[in-house]
Structure formats: C-alpha cells, structure tokens
Amino acid sequence: MKNIRVYHPAKYDTGAYKTHEENIYEINGEYVTSIIFEQEPEYGENQPSDALISQYPLEDILEEFYVVAGDMYPAENKNDPVNSYIEFSSPNIGDIQSLLRIVGKHVYNQDNGNSVLLMIE
C-alpha cells in the first residue's frame, strides 16, 4: 500500500455522522475513518485496477490497530483503476487515531523467513 491518504466520502457530511475530530467520525457508537491508497503487485497485492482489495496487508492492519473493515466502497473501487478505498471502524477512538498514523506511509508485508512482518515506513 502506497500513497495512503485520507478519503472523505460524501456520506460523512450527512446528518448520520458526527464529526468527532479531524478525519474521525462517529455513528451508532462506532468511530470511523476512510483511506484511499494504491495497491502494489510487487508486494503480492492485487493490481491497482482490481476492484478487490488484497487480503494482505489489509488483514494485518486490522489486527495491528484493532479495527474492522467497514464500507468497502464497491463503486469507487470498481471505477477507479489506480486507487483503492476502504473505511475502518472501532468502538475505541484511540484505535482509529493510531490507524491514521499510516497516512503518508508505505505499508507492506515482509517475509523474514520465519514469519511475515507488517512494515510501516
């Protein structure tokens, strides 16, 4: 995952979402945020034009930051041949705040021979 940026979908501007702090919204007791990024096939991820987001490193991000995947933005992912979109959710705002530290970073999995490590650079 590279070129990770915050994504602000129009749904966050509806009355259903309460702005809690910059880039973090609350709905039904859950805190949410969304990002946009480019997948990297050279790191085992799907092609950028693929409408599906690769399982890894996404699965490791979910575990690392104690968040779950929310909206997978199927229309955006289908229609954008370069970028991928995803929403993350947690009942704990600290988890979302921590997750947002990946914005502007390069995130990928690295096999060290014994295990696979989530790298955030």
Protein backbone atom coordinates (compact mmCIF):
# COMPACT_ATOMS: atom_id res chain seq x y z
CA MET A 1 0.00 0.00 0.00
CA LYS A 2 1.46 3.29 -1.03
CA ASN A 3 0.28 6.89 -1.42
CA ILE A 4 -2.03 6.42 1.57
CA ARG A 5 -4.32 9.41 2.04
CA VAL A 6 -7.45 10.25 3.98
CA TYR A 7 -10.65 9.76 1.99
CA HIS A 8 -13.67 11.91 2.80
CA PRO A 9 -16.81 10.33 1.30
CA ALA A 10 -19.95 12.41 0.92
CA LYS A 11 -21.77 10.18 3.42
CA TYR A 12 -19.70 11.73 6.24
CA ASP A 13 -21.41 15.05 5.51
CA THR A 14 -24.87 13.64 6.17
CA GLY A 15 -26.63 14.06 9.48
CA ALA A 16 -25.99 10.40 10.32
CA TYR A 17 -22.29 11.05 11.06
CA LYS A 18 -20.96 13.26 13.82
CA THR A 19 -17.51 14.77 13.34
CA HIS A 20 -15.54 13.78 16.40
CA GLU A 21 -12.20 15.23 15.34
CA GLU A 22 -10.38 15.80 12.07
CA ASN A 23 -10.88 12.73 9.82
CA ILE A 24 -12.69 10.76 12.54
CA TYR A 25 -16.46 10.42 12.58
CA GLU A 26 -18.91 8.72 14.90
CA ILE A 27 -22.02 6.77 14.01
CA ASN A 28 -24.01 4.49 16.31
CA GLY A 29 -21.23 4.39 18.92
CA GLU A 30 -18.54 3.44 16.39
CA TYR A 31 -15.69 5.65 15.25
CA VAL A 32 -14.87 5.54 11.54
CA THR A 33 -12.37 6.89 9.08
CA SER A 34 -11.62 6.12 5.44
CA ILE A 35 -8.45 5.99 3.40
CA ILE A 36 -7.50 5.83 -0.25
CA PHE A 37 -4.31 4.15 -1.45
CA GLU A 38 -2.57 2.35 -4.30
CA GLN A 39 -2.08 -1.42 -4.22
CA GLU A 40 1.38 -2.77 -5.04
CA PRO A 41 1.51 -6.04 -7.02
CA GLU A 42 5.27 -6.22 -6.46
CA TYR A 43 4.47 -6.83 -2.77
CA GLY A 44 1.91 -9.54 -3.53
CA GLU A 45 -1.07 -7.19 -3.61
CA ASN A 46 -3.73 -7.06 -6.31
CA GLN A 47 -3.32 -4.96 -9.43
CA PRO A 48 -4.39 -1.34 -8.86
CA SER A 49 -7.17 -1.80 -11.42
CA ASP A 50 -8.62 -4.77 -9.48
CA ALA A 51 -11.91 -3.87 -7.78
CA LEU A 52 -10.99 -6.04 -4.78
CA ILE A 53 -8.52 -5.03 -2.10
CA SER A 54 -5.84 -7.62 -1.35
CA GLN A 55 -6.29 -9.63 1.82
CA TYR A 56 -2.75 -8.75 2.88
CA PRO A 57 -1.54 -6.40 4.24
CA LEU A 58 -5.15 -5.36 4.99
CA GLU A 59 -5.71 -8.28 7.37
CA ASP A 60 -2.53 -7.41 9.27
CA ILE A 61 -3.56 -3.75 9.52
CA LEU A 62 -6.89 -4.79 11.04
CA GLU A 63 -5.07 -6.88 13.65
CA GLU A 64 -2.33 -4.34 14.35
CA PHE A 65 -4.71 -1.46 15.03
CA TYR A 66 -7.70 -3.41 16.47
CA VAL A 67 -10.05 -2.10 13.79
CA VAL A 68 -12.52 -3.75 11.44
CA ALA A 69 -13.22 -3.04 7.81
CA GLY A 70 -16.36 -1.02 7.34
CA ASP A 71 -17.52 0.22 3.97
CA MET A 72 -15.53 -1.36 1.15
CA TYR A 73 -16.72 1.33 -1.32
CA PRO A 74 -17.52 -1.13 -4.15
CA ALA A 75 -18.44 1.55 -6.71
CA GLU A 76 -15.30 3.59 -6.08
CA ASN A 77 -13.06 0.51 -6.17
CA LYS A 78 -14.69 -0.71 -9.39
CA ASN A 79 -14.49 2.64 -11.17
CA ASP A 80 -11.02 3.83 -10.13
CA PRO A 81 -8.25 1.92 -11.96
CA VAL A 82 -5.49 3.36 -9.75
CA ASN A 83 -6.77 3.79 -6.19
CA SER A 84 -8.43 1.58 -3.59
CA TYR A 85 -10.85 2.82 -0.94
CA ILE A 86 -11.76 1.42 2.47
CA GLU A 87 -13.39 2.51 5.71
CA PHE A 88 -12.19 1.37 9.13
CA SER A 89 -14.27 1.19 12.27
CA SER A 90 -13.73 0.72 16.01
CA PRO A 91 -15.65 1.41 19.23
CA ASN A 92 -12.39 2.87 20.58
CA ILE A 93 -11.36 6.24 19.15
CA GLY A 94 -7.74 5.58 20.12
CA ASP A 95 -7.64 2.69 17.65
CA ILE A 96 -8.74 4.98 14.81
CA GLN A 97 -6.28 7.66 15.88
CA SER A 98 -3.48 5.08 15.80
CA LEU A 99 -4.59 3.74 12.43
CA LEU A 100 -4.39 7.22 10.89
CA ARG A 101 -0.62 7.14 11.52
CA ILE A 102 -0.33 5.08 8.31
CA VAL A 103 -1.42 8.08 6.23
CA GLY A 104 1.54 9.17 4.12
CA LYS A 105 3.42 5.96 4.86
CA HIS A 106 4.32 2.84 2.88
CA VAL A 107 2.68 -0.29 4.32
CA TYR A 108 3.56 -3.79 3.18
CA ASN A 109 4.28 -7.32 4.37
CA GLN A 110 7.85 -8.59 4.51
CA ASP A 111 8.72 -12.28 4.80
CA ASN A 112 11.74 -12.72 7.07
CA GLY A 113 11.95 -16.50 6.56
CA ASN A 114 10.21 -17.45 9.81
CA SER A 115 7.20 -15.17 9.69
CA VAL A 116 5.64 -12.29 7.83
CA LEU A 117 6.04 -8.84 9.36
CA LEU A 118 3.84 -5.80 8.80
CA MET A 119 6.14 -2.98 7.78
CA ILE A 120 5.12 0.68 8.15
CA GLU A 121 7.69 3.09 6.75
